[in-house]
Each structure stands twice: as C-alpha cells, then as structure tokens.
C-alpha atoms as a PDB file:
ATOM      1  CA  MET A   1       8.800  72.938 -29.964  1.00  0.00           C
ATOM      2  CA  ALA A   2      10.821  70.739 -27.731  1.00  0.00           C
ATOM      3  CA  LYS A   3      11.160  67.089 -28.478  1.00  0.00           C
ATOM      4  CA  ILE A   4      10.524  64.615 -25.715  1.00  0.00           C
ATOM      5  CA  ILE A   5      13.380  62.226 -25.592  1.00  0.00           C
ATOM      6  CA  ARG A   6      12.771  58.905 -23.920  1.00  0.00           C
ATOM      7  CA  LYS A   7      15.668  56.974 -22.626  1.00  0.00           C
ATOM      8  CA  LYS A   8      15.566  53.265 -23.246  1.00  0.00           C
ATOM      9  CA  ARG A   9      16.246  51.242 -20.188  1.00  0.00           C
ATOM     10  CA  LYS A  10      18.925  48.708 -20.522  1.00  0.00           C
ATOM     11  CA  LEU A  11      18.290  45.434 -18.808  1.00  0.00           C
ATOM     12  CA  ARG A  12      21.335  44.466 -16.999  1.00  0.00           C
ATOM     13  CA  ILE A  13      22.356  40.876 -17.375  1.00  0.00           C
ATOM     14  CA  GLN A  14      23.304  40.754 -13.725  1.00  0.00           C
ATOM     15  CA  ALA A  15      19.756  41.707 -12.708  1.00  0.00           C
ATOM     16  CA  LEU A  16      18.282  38.998 -14.950  1.00  0.00           C
ATOM     17  CA  ILE A  17      20.617  36.376 -13.533  1.00  0.00           C
ATOM     18  CA  SER A  18      19.780  37.443  -9.981  1.00  0.00           C
ATOM     19  CA  LEU A  19      16.058  37.252 -10.740  1.00  0.00           C
ATOM     20  CA  PHE A  20      16.493  33.824 -12.320  1.00  0.00           C
ATOM     21  CA  PHE A  21      18.345  32.494  -9.263  1.00  0.00           C
ATOM     22  CA  PHE A  22      15.763  34.001  -6.917  1.00  0.00           C
ATOM     23  CA  PHE A  23      12.888  32.248  -8.701  1.00  0.00           C
ATOM     24  CA  SER A  24      14.927  29.058  -8.914  1.00  0.00           C
ATOM     25  CA  PHE A  25      15.477  29.142  -5.159  1.00  0.00           C
ATOM     26  CA  ILE A  26      11.765  29.737  -4.486  1.00  0.00           C
ATOM     27  CA  PHE A  27      10.874  26.851  -6.819  1.00  0.00           C
ATOM     28  CA  TYR A  28      13.417  24.634  -5.020  1.00  0.00           C
ATOM     29  CA  LEU A  29      11.912  25.421  -1.615  1.00  0.00           C
ATOM     30  CA  CYS A  30       8.376  24.726  -2.825  1.00  0.00           C
ATOM     31  CA  ALA A  31       9.417  21.488  -4.499  1.00  0.00           C
ATOM     32  CA  MET A  32      11.265  20.250  -1.428  1.00  0.00           C
ATOM     33  CA  THR A  33       8.310  21.036   0.834  1.00  0.00           C
ATOM     34  CA  GLY A  34       5.904  19.290  -1.514  1.00  0.00           C
ATOM     35  CA  LEU A  35       8.104  16.225  -1.916  1.00  0.00           C
ATOM     36  CA  LYS A  36       8.650  15.862   1.824  1.00  0.00           C
ATOM     37  CA  SER A  37       4.927  16.027   2.534  1.00  0.00           C
ATOM     38  CA  TYR A  38       4.255  13.500  -0.252  1.00  0.00           C
ATOM     39  CA  ASN A  39       6.950  11.242   1.201  1.00  0.00           C
ATOM     40  CA  VAL A  40       5.282  11.388   4.628  1.00  0.00           C
ATOM     41  CA  THR A  41       1.925  10.524   3.056  1.00  0.00           C
ATOM     42  CA  LEU A  42       3.433   7.545   1.236  1.00  0.00           C
ATOM     43  CA  ALA A  43       5.161   6.356   4.420  1.00  0.00           C
ATOM     44  CA  LYS A  44       1.816   6.379   6.253  1.00  0.00           C
ATOM     45  CA  LYS A  45       0.183   4.405   3.424  1.00  0.00           C
ATOM     46  CA  VAL A  46       2.995   1.843   3.506  1.00  0.00           C
ATOM     47  CA  GLU A  47       2.595   1.478   7.262  1.00  0.00           C
ATOM     48  CA  THR A  48      -1.152   0.889   7.023  1.00  0.00           C
ATOM     49  CA  LYS A  49      -0.644  -1.624   4.184  1.00  0.00           C
ATOM     50  CA  GLN A  50       1.946  -3.492   6.249  1.00  0.00           C
ATOM     51  CA  GLU A  51      -0.416  -3.621   9.225  1.00  0.00           C
ATOM     52  CA  HIS A  52      -3.190  -4.918   6.973  1.00  0.00           C
ATOM     53  CA  LEU A  53      -0.825  -7.512   5.499  1.00  0.00           C
ATOM     54  CA  ALA A  54       0.165  -8.696   8.989  1.00  0.00           C
ATOM     55  CA  ASP A  55      -3.521  -9.037   9.941  1.00  0.00           C
ATOM     56  CA  VAL A  56      -4.297 -11.017   6.798  1.00  0.00           C
ATOM     57  CA  GLN A  57      -1.286 -13.297   7.332  1.00  0.00           C
ATOM     58  CA  GLU A  58      -2.416 -13.943  10.898  1.00  0.00           C
ATOM     59  CA  LYS A  59      -5.914 -14.814   9.678  1.00  0.00           C
ATOM     60  CA  VAL A  60      -4.471 -17.123   7.020  1.00  0.00           C
ATOM     61  CA  THR A  61      -2.378 -19.025   9.546  1.00  0.00           C
ATOM     62  CA  THR A  62      -5.400 -19.319  11.853  1.00  0.00           C
ATOM     63  CA  LEU A  63      -7.564 -20.621   9.012  1.00  0.00           C
ATOM     64  CA  GLU A  64      -4.861 -23.053   7.905  1.00  0.00           C
ATOM     65  CA  ALA A  65      -4.727 -24.459  11.447  1.00  0.00           C
ATOM     66  CA  ILE A  66      -8.522 -24.816  11.518  1.00  0.00           C
ATOM     67  CA  ILE A  67      -8.522 -26.519   8.099  1.00  0.00           C
ATOM     68  CA  LYS A  68      -5.786 -28.904   9.203  1.00  0.00           C
ATOM     69  CA  GLU A  69      -7.713 -29.704  12.361  1.00  0.00           C
ATOM     70  CA  LEU A  70     -11.016 -30.234  10.536  1.00  0.00           C
ATOM     71  CA  SER A  71      -9.508 -32.320   7.735  1.00  0.00           C
ATOM     72  CA  ASN A  72      -8.578 -35.002  10.260  1.00  0.00           C
ATOM     73  CA  TYR A  73     -10.860 -38.055   9.910  1.00  0.00           C
ATOM     74  CA  GLU A  74     -11.554 -38.245  13.647  1.00  0.00           C
ATOM     75  CA  ALA A  75     -12.744 -34.626  13.713  1.00  0.00           C
ATOM     76  CA  ILE A  76     -15.049 -35.233  10.740  1.00  0.00           C
ATOM     77  CA  ALA A  77     -16.413 -38.406  12.308  1.00  0.00           C
ATOM     78  CA  LYS A  78     -17.003 -36.600  15.599  1.00  0.00           C
ATOM     79  CA  ILE A  79     -18.943 -33.805  13.888  1.00  0.00           C
ATOM     80  CA  ALA A  80     -20.947 -36.347  11.861  1.00  0.00           C
ATOM     81  CA  GLU A  81     -21.849 -38.356  14.959  1.00  0.00           C
ATOM     82  CA  LYS A  82     -22.814 -35.165  16.742  1.00  0.00           C
ATOM     83  CA  ASP A  83     -25.265 -34.399  13.907  1.00  0.00           C
ATOM     84  CA  GLY A  84     -26.675 -37.941  14.040  1.00  0.00           C
ATOM     85  CA  MET A  85     -24.892 -39.382  11.010  1.00  0.00           C
ATOM     86  CA  ARG A  86     -23.060 -42.674  10.921  1.00  0.00           C
ATOM     87  CA  ALA A  87     -20.792 -44.385   8.435  1.00  0.00           C
ATOM     88  CA  ILE A  88     -22.195 -47.419   6.667  1.00  0.00           C
ATOM     89  CA  GLN A  89     -19.197 -49.512   5.640  1.00  0.00           C
ATOM     90  CA  SER A  90     -20.861 -50.777   2.473  1.00  0.00           C
ATOM     91  CA  ASN A  91     -21.186 -47.188   1.204  1.00  0.00           C
ATOM     92  CA  VAL A  92     -17.593 -46.189   2.000  1.00  0.00           C
ATOM     93  CA  LYS A  93     -15.295 -45.949  -1.029  1.00  0.00           C
ATOM     94  CA  LEU A  94     -11.536 -45.532  -0.822  1.00  0.00           C
ATOM     95  CA  LEU A  95      -9.782 -43.202  -3.216  1.00  0.00           C
ATOM     96  CA  ASN A  96      -6.151 -43.458  -4.282  1.00  0.00           C
ATOM     97  CA  GLY A  97      -5.602 -46.700  -2.406  1.00  0.00           C
ATOM     98  CA  GLU A  98      -6.192 -45.257   1.078  1.00  0.00           C
END
C-alpha cells in the first residue's frame, strides 16, 4: 500500500510582512477617512456654537442698554406717572446718602 505523503506548507516571512503592511495600509486609509469626517463634524458644531454665542452676546448688550435706560430716575418717574402713580415726598427714603 502506498503512503500518502503530505507536504507541509512553509509560510514565507515575506508573505506575512506583505500581508501585515497591506492591512496596515487599509487601516490607515479607514482611520484617515473617519478622522477627517469627524473633524468636519466638529468644525460645523464649533461654527454653530460661535453663531449662538454671538447671538447671545448681542442680546446681552441689548438688555444691558435697556437696563441702563430703565434704571434712570427720570425713566422710572415717567413710567410711574404714566400708570397714575406719584411720589409723596414724606414717604421717600434715601439710601447710602443719595
């Protein structure tokens, strides 16, 4: 009876190195694509946050101007007179020596 002889395949080191570099290159391409798309997404988020910040700063400056205008005594007196109120001098108290 004849024996079946199987030859063992030898893995060549050069083939393993080539395969390793091929998969490394594919991983590099995927990573670069993913990172670039993530970078674009983050840039869009930063832009929207900056626009929102500019809007809020504009509102703050507008409100500060309104507060400054309304904190003036003449403006308060005008609004009070408009609503039918008047200042009775005996009820007026000065704070901090004003």
